[in-house]
Every structure is written in structure tokens, then in C-alpha cells.
Amino acid sequence: VMTTLLRMGYSNVVQVLVCGVTFALAHLYGFTSPAAFLITQGNTFILGVLLGIVYLIGKRSLTPVIVSHALTDMIIEPALLLSFFTVLK
């Protein structure tokens, strides 16, 4: 997405913001309360923006983005899974 936007002449800021929106939409969570939905999607948008920035800092290579996403998943996912199962009790 960011490379296509670059070819279309959009700035890095626009590329990163569109990346954040796209990332949030791809990770859409709709099974929560409205407040939790907004918080979750907002945090996911921020993560998408940060990964977009990593892409730019990494000279438009996906490798740093993949490593960053994997590290994020390893740190966050266990807590998310535990909180999900705690809610089900």
C-alpha cells in the first residue's frame, strides 16, 4: 500500500496514516462493547502507524516490519488470550 501511494505521489505522512487505517481494518474486532471496540481499534491503528514508520526507517524493507510484528505478537498475544478466557468465566 505504501509503495503504491509513493508511486502516486503521496507524502510519507499520508502513506503511514493510510497504513494505520488499513492495518486497523484488517484487524477489525467487533465482539466487544462500543468503548472497548474504539480503544482496541485505536490501539491497532497506532500499531499500524508504528509499523509504517518501521517500514520507512527500514528503507522500505518488509523484514523489520515482520520482525516487529512478530515481537509484538509474542509480547501481547499471551496477555490478550488470558484476558479473553478470563472474561468467559
PDB file of N, CA and C in Angstrom:
ATOM      1  N   VAL A   1       0.836  -1.186   0.000  1.00  0.00           N
ATOM      2  CA  VAL A   1       0.000   0.000   0.000  1.00  0.00           C
ATOM      3  C   VAL A   1       0.881   1.250   0.000  1.00  0.00           C
ATOM      4  N   MET A   2       1.892   1.241   0.845  1.00  0.00           N
ATOM      5  CA  MET A   2       2.732   2.425   0.946  1.00  0.00           C
ATOM      6  C   MET A   2       3.527   2.676  -0.327  1.00  0.00           C
ATOM      7  N   THR A   3       3.987   1.622  -0.968  1.00  0.00           N
ATOM      8  CA  THR A   3       4.733   1.781  -2.213  1.00  0.00           C
ATOM      9  C   THR A   3       3.828   2.321  -3.312  1.00  0.00           C
ATOM     10  N   THR A   4       2.601   1.837  -3.368  1.00  0.00           N
ATOM     11  CA  THR A   4       1.648   2.333  -4.360  1.00  0.00           C
ATOM     12  C   THR A   4       1.354   3.808  -4.121  1.00  0.00           C
ATOM     13  N   LEU A   5       1.151   4.178  -2.861  1.00  0.00           N
ATOM     14  CA  LEU A   5       0.909   5.583  -2.546  1.00  0.00           C
ATOM     15  C   LEU A   5       2.119   6.445  -2.886  1.00  0.00           C
ATOM     16  N   LEU A   6       3.328   5.918  -2.680  1.00  0.00           N
ATOM     17  CA  LEU A   6       4.545   6.642  -3.052  1.00  0.00           C
ATOM     18  C   LEU A   6       4.564   6.882  -4.557  1.00  0.00           C
ATOM     19  N   ARG A   7       4.257   5.848  -5.329  1.00  0.00           N
ATOM     20  CA  ARG A   7       4.230   5.983  -6.795  1.00  0.00           C
ATOM     21  C   ARG A   7       3.170   6.973  -7.254  1.00  0.00           C
ATOM     22  N   MET A   8       2.102   7.110  -6.466  1.00  0.00           N
ATOM     23  CA  MET A   8       1.043   8.053  -6.806  1.00  0.00           C
ATOM     24  C   MET A   8       1.388   9.474  -6.362  1.00  0.00           C
ATOM     25  N   GLY A   9       2.525   9.640  -5.662  1.00  0.00           N
ATOM     26  CA  GLY A   9       2.997  10.955  -5.279  1.00  0.00           C
ATOM     27  C   GLY A   9       2.588  11.419  -3.896  1.00  0.00           C
ATOM     28  N   TYR A  10       2.050  10.523  -3.066  1.00  0.00           N
ATOM     29  CA  TYR A  10       1.639  10.904  -1.719  1.00  0.00           C
ATOM     30  C   TYR A  10       2.846  10.959  -0.790  1.00  0.00           C
ATOM     31  N   SER A  11       2.761  11.842   0.203  1.00  0.00           N
ATOM     32  CA  SER A  11       3.864  12.021   1.159  1.00  0.00           C
ATOM     33  C   SER A  11       3.966  10.822   2.099  1.00  0.00           C
ATOM     34  N   ASN A  12       5.088  10.767   2.807  1.00  0.00           N
ATOM     35  CA  ASN A  12       5.289   9.701   3.792  1.00  0.00           C
ATOM     36  C   ASN A  12       4.242   9.745   4.893  1.00  0.00           C
ATOM     37  N   VAL A  13       3.814  10.931   5.279  1.00  0.00           N
ATOM     38  CA  VAL A  13       2.800  11.071   6.332  1.00  0.00           C
ATOM     39  C   VAL A  13       1.493  10.415   5.887  1.00  0.00           C
ATOM     40  N   VAL A  14       1.059  10.715   4.677  1.00  0.00           N
ATOM     41  CA  VAL A  14      -0.175  10.107   4.147  1.00  0.00           C
ATOM     42  C   VAL A  14      -0.011   8.596   4.047  1.00  0.00           C
ATOM     43  N   GLN A  15       1.137   8.146   3.580  1.00  0.00           N
ATOM     44  CA  GLN A  15       1.388   6.706   3.449  1.00  0.00           C
ATOM     45  C   GLN A  15       1.258   6.009   4.802  1.00  0.00           C
ATOM     46  N   VAL A  16       1.859   6.596   5.829  1.00  0.00           N
ATOM     47  CA  VAL A  16       1.840   5.991   7.166  1.00  0.00           C
ATOM     48  C   VAL A  16       0.424   5.996   7.745  1.00  0.00           C
ATOM     49  N   LEU A  17      -0.315   7.085   7.563  1.00  0.00           N
ATOM     50  CA  LEU A  17      -1.682   7.153   8.086  1.00  0.00           C
ATOM     51  C   LEU A  17      -2.606   6.159   7.383  1.00  0.00           C
ATOM     52  N   VAL A  18      -2.481   6.043   6.068  1.00  0.00           N
ATOM     53  CA  VAL A  18      -3.286   5.059   5.335  1.00  0.00           C
ATOM     54  C   VAL A  18      -2.896   3.648   5.769  1.00  0.00           C
ATOM     55  N   CYS A  19      -1.610   3.434   6.019  1.00  0.00           N
ATOM     56  CA  CYS A  19      -1.144   2.139   6.513  1.00  0.00           C
ATOM     57  C   CYS A  19      -1.798   1.829   7.856  1.00  0.00           C
ATOM     58  N   GLY A  20      -1.877   2.815   8.742  1.00  0.00           N
ATOM     59  CA  GLY A  20      -2.508   2.624  10.047  1.00  0.00           C
ATOM     60  C   GLY A  20      -3.981   2.271   9.926  1.00  0.00           C
ATOM     61  N   VAL A  21      -4.693   2.973   9.060  1.00  0.00           N
ATOM     62  CA  VAL A  21      -6.121   2.689   8.850  1.00  0.00           C
ATOM     63  C   VAL A  21      -6.310   1.299   8.257  1.00  0.00           C
ATOM     64  N   THR A  22      -5.504   0.968   7.263  1.00  0.00           N
ATOM     65  CA  THR A  22      -5.597  -0.345   6.623  1.00  0.00           C
ATOM     66  C   THR A  22      -5.297  -1.460   7.615  1.00  0.00           C
ATOM     67  N   PHE A  23      -4.279  -1.266   8.425  1.00  0.00           N
ATOM     68  CA  PHE A  23      -3.916  -2.262   9.442  1.00  0.00           C
ATOM     69  C   PHE A  23      -5.051  -2.447  10.435  1.00  0.00           C
ATOM     70  N   ALA A  24      -5.647  -1.348  10.879  1.00  0.00           N
ATOM     71  CA  ALA A  24      -6.758  -1.428  11.835  1.00  0.00           C
ATOM     72  C   ALA A  24      -7.961  -2.145  11.215  1.00  0.00           C
ATOM     73  N   LEU A  25      -8.258  -1.859   9.958  1.00  0.00           N
ATOM     74  CA  LEU A  25      -9.385  -2.525   9.293  1.00  0.00           C
ATOM     75  C   LEU A  25      -9.121  -4.017   9.102  1.00  0.00           C
ATOM     76  N   ALA A  26      -7.868  -4.360   8.831  1.00  0.00           N
ATOM     77  CA  ALA A  26      -7.523  -5.777   8.645  1.00  0.00           C
ATOM     78  C   ALA A  26      -7.590  -6.552   9.957  1.00  0.00           C
ATOM     79  N   HIS A  27      -7.490  -5.833  11.074  1.00  0.00           N
ATOM     80  CA  HIS A  27      -7.535  -6.456  12.395  1.00  0.00           C
ATOM     81  C   HIS A  27      -8.797  -6.029  13.140  1.00  0.00           C
ATOM     82  N   LEU A  28      -9.894  -5.982  12.434  1.00  0.00           N
ATOM     83  CA  LEU A  28     -11.154  -5.497  12.995  1.00  0.00           C
ATOM     84  C   LEU A  28     -11.698  -6.467  14.036  1.00  0.00           C
ATOM     85  N   TYR A  29     -11.971  -5.938  15.208  1.00  0.00           N
ATOM     86  CA  TYR A  29     -12.536  -6.720  16.301  1.00  0.00           C
ATOM     87  C   TYR A  29     -13.925  -6.171  16.598  1.00  0.00           C
ATOM     88  N   GLY A  30     -14.959  -6.962  16.397  1.00  0.00           N
ATOM     89  CA  GLY A  30     -16.304  -6.471  16.581  1.00  0.00           C
ATOM     90  C   GLY A  30     -17.085  -7.157  17.674  1.00  0.00           C
ATOM     91  N   PHE A  31     -16.415  -7.944  18.503  1.00  0.00           N
ATOM     92  CA  PHE A  31     -17.131  -8.736  19.509  1.00  0.00           C
ATOM     93  C   PHE A  31     -17.031  -8.130  20.905  1.00  0.00           C
ATOM     94  N   THR A  32     -16.833  -6.826  20.979  1.00  0.00           N
ATOM     95  CA  THR A  32     -16.674  -6.174  22.281  1.00  0.00           C
ATOM     96  C   THR A  32     -17.688  -5.051  22.425  1.00  0.00           C
ATOM     97  N   SER A  33     -17.683  -4.418  23.573  1.00  0.00           N
ATOM     98  CA  SER A  33     -18.545  -3.261  23.796  1.00  0.00           C
ATOM     99  C   SER A  33     -18.062  -2.105  22.911  1.00  0.00           C
ATOM    100  N   PRO A  34     -18.928  -1.112  22.673  1.00  0.00           N
ATOM    101  CA  PRO A  34     -18.502   0.022  21.830  1.00  0.00           C
ATOM    102  C   PRO A  34     -17.242   0.727  22.346  1.00  0.00           C
ATOM    103  N   ALA A  35     -17.138   0.913  23.651  1.00  0.00           N
ATOM    104  CA  ALA A  35     -15.957   1.583  24.196  1.00  0.00           C
ATOM    105  C   ALA A  35     -14.701   0.742  23.982  1.00  0.00           C
ATOM    106  N   ALA A  36     -14.800  -0.552  24.260  1.00  0.00           N
ATOM    107  CA  ALA A  36     -13.654  -1.441  24.057  1.00  0.00           C
ATOM    108  C   ALA A  36     -13.288  -1.523  22.582  1.00  0.00           C
ATOM    109  N   PHE A  37     -14.302  -1.489  21.723  1.00  0.00           N
ATOM    110  CA  PHE A  37     -14.068  -1.516  20.269  1.00  0.00           C
ATOM    111  C   PHE A  37     -13.241  -0.307  19.852  1.00  0.00           C
ATOM    112  N   LEU A  38     -13.625   0.883  20.311  1.00  0.00           N
ATOM    113  CA  LEU A  38     -12.903   2.103  19.936  1.00  0.00           C
ATOM    114  C   LEU A  38     -11.473   2.094  20.475  1.00  0.00           C
ATOM    115  N   ILE A  39     -11.311   1.631  21.703  1.00  0.00           N
ATOM    116  CA  ILE A  39      -9.970   1.560  22.286  1.00  0.00           C
ATOM    117  C   ILE A  39      -9.102   0.561  21.524  1.00  0.00           C
ATOM    118  N   THR A  40      -9.667  -0.607  21.250  1.00  0.00           N
ATOM    119  CA  THR A  40      -8.920  -1.649  20.546  1.00  0.00           C
ATOM    120  C   THR A  40      -8.536  -1.193  19.148  1.00  0.00           C
ATOM    121  N   GLN A  41      -9.496  -0.628  18.420  1.00  0.00           N
ATOM    122  CA  GLN A  41      -9.200  -0.179  17.059  1.00  0.00           C
ATOM    123  C   GLN A  41      -8.234   1.000  17.067  1.00  0.00           C
ATOM    124  N   GLY A  42      -8.350   1.868  18.061  1.00  0.00           N
ATOM    125  CA  GLY A  42      -7.402   2.978  18.169  1.00  0.00           C
ATOM    126  C   GLY A  42      -5.986   2.491  18.411  1.00  0.00           C
ATOM    127  N   ASN A  43      -5.846   1.531  19.315  1.00  0.00           N
ATOM    128  CA  ASN A  43      -4.521   0.954  19.578  1.00  0.00           C
ATOM    129  C   ASN A  43      -3.986   0.218  18.364  1.00  0.00           C
ATOM    130  N   THR A  44      -4.858  -0.470  17.650  1.00  0.00           N
ATOM    131  CA  THR A  44      -4.436  -1.190  16.446  1.00  0.00           C
ATOM    132  C   THR A  44      -4.011  -0.211  15.361  1.00  0.00           C
ATOM    133  N   PHE A  45      -4.723   0.908  15.243  1.00  0.00           N
ATOM    134  CA  PHE A  45      -4.335   1.960  14.299  1.00  0.00           C
ATOM    135  C   PHE A  45      -2.941   2.484  14.642  1.00  0.00           C
ATOM    136  N   ILE A  46      -2.710   2.742  15.927  1.00  0.00           N
ATOM    137  CA  ILE A  46      -1.399   3.243  16.358  1.00  0.00           C
ATOM    138  C   ILE A  46      -0.304   2.235  16.036  1.00  0.00           C
ATOM    139  N   LEU A  47      -0.570   0.953  16.271  1.00  0.00           N
ATOM    140  CA  LEU A  47       0.413  -0.079  15.927  1.00  0.00           C
ATOM    141  C   LEU A  47       0.674  -0.079  14.425  1.00  0.00           C
ATOM    142  N   GLY A  48      -0.375   0.069  13.624  1.00  0.00           N
ATOM    143  CA  GLY A  48      -0.205   0.134  12.171  1.00  0.00           C
ATOM    144  C   GLY A  48       0.641   1.318  11.746  1.00  0.00           C
ATOM    145  N   VAL A  49       0.430   2.471  12.400  1.00  0.00           N
ATOM    146  CA  VAL A  49       1.241   3.653  12.110  1.00  0.00           C
ATOM    147  C   VAL A  49       2.700   3.389  12.482  1.00  0.00           C
ATOM    148  N   LEU A  50       2.919   2.791  13.656  1.00  0.00           N
ATOM    149  CA  LEU A  50       4.291   2.489  14.080  1.00  0.00           C
ATOM    150  C   LEU A  50       4.973   1.514  13.127  1.00  0.00           C
ATOM    151  N   LEU A  51       4.228   0.510  12.664  1.00  0.00           N
ATOM    152  CA  LEU A  51       4.809  -0.434  11.706  1.00  0.00           C
ATOM    153  C   LEU A  51       5.094   0.256  10.366  1.00  0.00           C
ATOM    154  N   GLY A  52       4.259   1.214   9.996  1.00  0.00           N
ATOM    155  CA  GLY A  52       4.532   2.004   8.794  1.00  0.00           C
ATOM    156  C   GLY A  52       5.810   2.810   8.934  1.00  0.00           C
ATOM    157  N   ILE A  53       6.023   3.362  10.120  1.00  0.00           N
ATOM    158  CA  ILE A  53       7.253   4.113  10.386  1.00  0.00           C
ATOM    159  C   ILE A  53       8.461   3.173  10.349  1.00  0.00           C
ATOM    160  N   VAL A  54       8.311   1.980  10.910  1.00  0.00           N
ATOM    161  CA  VAL A  54       9.394   0.980  10.847  1.00  0.00           C
ATOM    162  C   VAL A  54       9.725   0.664   9.396  1.00  0.00           C
ATOM    163  N   TYR A  55       8.696   0.562   8.559  1.00  0.00           N
ATOM    164  CA  TYR A  55       8.899   0.300   7.124  1.00  0.00           C
ATOM    165  C   TYR A  55       9.737   1.412   6.489  1.00  0.00           C
ATOM    166  N   LEU A  56       9.441   2.653   6.833  1.00  0.00           N
ATOM    167  CA  LEU A  56      10.214   3.764   6.270  1.00  0.00           C
ATOM    168  C   LEU A  56      11.635   3.788   6.819  1.00  0.00           C
ATOM    169  N   ILE A  57      11.784   3.592   8.122  1.00  0.00           N
ATOM    170  CA  ILE A  57      13.119   3.588   8.732  1.00  0.00           C
ATOM    171  C   ILE A  57      13.952   2.433   8.180  1.00  0.00           C
ATOM    172  N   GLY A  58      13.289   1.307   7.908  1.00  0.00           N
ATOM    173  CA  GLY A  58      13.978   0.135   7.364  1.00  0.00           C
ATOM    174  C   GLY A  58      14.190   0.195   5.867  1.00  0.00           C
ATOM    175  N   LYS A  59      14.135   1.405   5.307  1.00  0.00           N
ATOM    176  CA  LYS A  59      14.379   1.637   3.878  1.00  0.00           C
ATOM    177  C   LYS A  59      13.425   0.834   2.995  1.00  0.00           C
ATOM    178  N   ARG A  60      12.152   0.801   3.427  1.00  0.00           N
ATOM    179  CA  ARG A  60      11.063   0.162   2.692  1.00  0.00           C
ATOM    180  C   ARG A  60      11.273  -1.350   2.507  1.00  0.00           C
ATOM    181  N   SER A  61      11.880  -1.947   3.513  1.00  0.00           N
ATOM    182  CA  SER A  61      12.034  -3.398   3.557  1.00  0.00           C
ATOM    183  C   SER A  61      10.985  -3.968   4.507  1.00  0.00           C
ATOM    184  N   LEU A  62      10.367  -5.080   4.126  1.00  0.00           N
ATOM    185  CA  LEU A  62       9.361  -5.701   4.990  1.00  0.00           C
ATOM    186  C   LEU A  62       9.980  -6.487   6.148  1.00  0.00           C
ATOM    187  N   THR A  63      11.238  -6.835   6.060  1.00  0.00           N
ATOM    188  CA  THR A  63      11.864  -7.650   7.096  1.00  0.00           C
ATOM    189  C   THR A  63      11.764  -7.017   8.483  1.00  0.00           C
ATOM    190  N   PRO A  64      12.123  -5.737   8.669  1.00  0.00           N
ATOM    191  CA  PRO A  64      11.974  -5.152  10.007  1.00  0.00           C
ATOM    192  C   PRO A  64      10.516  -5.097  10.470  1.00  0.00           C
ATOM    193  N   VAL A  65       9.598  -4.931   9.536  1.00  0.00           N
ATOM    194  CA  VAL A  65       8.182  -4.891   9.880  1.00  0.00           C
ATOM    195  C   VAL A  65       7.710  -6.265  10.351  1.00  0.00           C
ATOM    196  N   ILE A  66       8.125  -7.303   9.655  1.00  0.00           N
ATOM    197  CA  ILE A  66       7.740  -8.670  10.031  1.00  0.00           C
ATOM    198  C   ILE A  66       8.304  -9.017  11.410  1.00  0.00           C
ATOM    199  N   VAL A  67       9.564  -8.675  11.638  1.00  0.00           N
ATOM    200  CA  VAL A  67      10.189  -8.947  12.935  1.00  0.00           C
ATOM    201  C   VAL A  67       9.478  -8.151  14.036  1.00  0.00           C
ATOM    202  N   SER A  68       9.175  -6.891  13.775  1.00  0.00           N
ATOM    203  CA  SER A  68       8.477  -6.058  14.767  1.00  0.00           C
ATOM    204  C   SER A  68       7.097  -6.617  15.084  1.00  0.00           C
ATOM    205  N   HIS A  69       6.372  -7.019  14.057  1.00  0.00           N
ATOM    206  CA  HIS A  69       5.030  -7.578  14.265  1.00  0.00           C
ATOM    207  C   HIS A  69       5.125  -8.881  15.060  1.00  0.00           C
ATOM    208  N   ALA A  70       6.087  -9.719  14.728  1.00  0.00           N
ATOM    209  CA  ALA A  70       6.253 -10.991  15.448  1.00  0.00           C
ATOM    210  C   ALA A  70       6.592 -10.744  16.921  1.00  0.00           C
ATOM    211  N   LEU A  71       7.491  -9.810  17.190  1.00  0.00           N
ATOM    212  CA  LEU A  71       7.841  -9.487  18.575  1.00  0.00           C
ATOM    213  C   LEU A  71       6.636  -8.929  19.330  1.00  0.00           C
ATOM    214  N   THR A  72       5.874  -8.083  18.672  1.00  0.00           N
ATOM    215  CA  THR A  72       4.657  -7.537  19.282  1.00  0.00           C
ATOM    216  C   THR A  72       3.684  -8.655  19.623  1.00  0.00           C
ATOM    217  N   ASP A  73       3.496  -9.586  18.685  1.00  0.00           N
ATOM    218  CA  ASP A  73       2.595 -10.716  18.927  1.00  0.00           C
ATOM    219  C   ASP A  73       3.073 -11.568  20.099  1.00  0.00           C
ATOM    220  N   MET A  74       4.375 -11.814  20.168  1.00  0.00           N
ATOM    221  CA  MET A  74       4.899 -12.640  21.253  1.00  0.00           C
ATOM    222  C   MET A  74       4.736 -11.983  22.618  1.00  0.00           C
ATOM    223  N   ILE A  75       4.776 -10.660  22.650  1.00  0.00           N
ATOM    224  CA  ILE A  75       4.649  -9.946  23.916  1.00  0.00           C
ATOM    225  C   ILE A  75       3.182  -9.752  24.301  1.00  0.00           C
ATOM    226  N   ILE A  76       2.344  -9.389  23.340  1.00  0.00           N
ATOM    227  CA  ILE A  76       0.962  -9.011  23.632  1.00  0.00           C
ATOM    228  C   ILE A  76      -0.010 -10.183  23.615  1.00  0.00           C
ATOM    229  N   GLU A  77       0.136 -11.092  22.684  1.00  0.00           N
ATOM    230  CA  GLU A  77      -0.868 -12.149  22.499  1.00  0.00           C
ATOM    231  C   GLU A  77      -1.138 -12.996  23.743  1.00  0.00           C
ATOM    232  N   PRO A  78      -0.128 -13.419  24.492  1.00  0.00           N
ATOM    233  CA  PRO A  78      -0.453 -14.218  25.691  1.00  0.00           C
ATOM    234  C   PRO A  78      -1.375 -13.475  26.658  1.00  0.00           C
ATOM    235  N   ALA A  79      -1.129 -12.189  26.873  1.00  0.00           N
ATOM    236  CA  ALA A  79      -1.986 -11.409  27.774  1.00  0.00           C
ATOM    237  C   ALA A  79      -3.389 -11.257  27.197  1.00  0.00           C
ATOM    238  N   LEU A  80      -3.494 -11.072  25.887  1.00  0.00           N
ATOM    239  CA  LEU A  80      -4.816 -10.954  25.265  1.00  0.00           C
ATOM    240  C   LEU A  80      -5.604 -12.245  25.404  1.00  0.00           C
ATOM    241  N   LEU A  81      -4.940 -13.364  25.179  1.00  0.00           N
ATOM    242  CA  LEU A  81      -5.622 -14.652  25.307  1.00  0.00           C
ATOM    243  C   LEU A  81      -6.072 -14.902  26.741  1.00  0.00           C
ATOM    244  N   LEU A  82      -5.214 -14.588  27.696  1.00  0.00           N
ATOM    245  CA  LEU A  82      -5.595 -14.778  29.105  1.00  0.00           C
ATOM    246  C   LEU A  82      -6.773 -13.885  29.473  1.00  0.00           C
ATOM    247  N   SER A  83      -6.778 -12.651  29.018  1.00  0.00           N
ATOM    248  CA  SER A  83      -7.884 -11.751  29.345  1.00  0.00           C
ATOM    249  C   SER A  83      -9.163 -12.207  28.683  1.00  0.00           C
ATOM    250  N   PHE A  84      -9.075 -12.777  27.475  1.00  0.00           N
ATOM    251  CA  PHE A  84     -10.256 -13.266  26.782  1.00  0.00           C
ATOM    252  C   PHE A  84     -10.887 -14.431  27.550  1.00  0.00           C
ATOM    253  N   PHE A  85     -10.065 -15.357  27.989  1.00  0.00           N
ATOM    254  CA  PHE A  85     -10.598 -16.513  28.714  1.00  0.00           C
ATOM    255  C   PHE A  85     -11.076 -16.150  30.115  1.00  0.00           C
ATOM    256  N   THR A  86     -10.516 -15.093  30.704  1.00  0.00           N
ATOM    257  CA  THR A  86     -10.985 -14.615  31.993  1.00  0.00           C
ATOM    258  C   THR A  86     -12.395 -14.028  31.858  1.00  0.00           C
ATOM    259  N   VAL A  87     -12.651 -13.352  30.764  1.00  0.00           N
ATOM    260  CA  VAL A  87     -13.973 -12.763  30.514  1.00  0.00           C
ATOM    261  C   VAL A  87     -15.019 -13.851  30.338  1.00  0.00           C
ATOM    262  N   LEU A  88     -14.648 -14.990  29.770  1.00  0.00           N
ATOM    263  CA  LEU A  88     -15.588 -16.062  29.506  1.00  0.00           C
ATOM    264  C   LEU A  88     -16.053 -16.784  30.769  1.00  0.00           C
ATOM    265  N   LYS A  89     -15.331 -16.638  31.871  1.00  0.00           N
ATOM    266  CA  LYS A  89     -15.683 -17.346  33.120  1.00  0.00           C
ATOM    267  C   LYS A  89     -16.974 -16.866  33.693  1.00  0.00           C
TER     268      LYS A  89
END
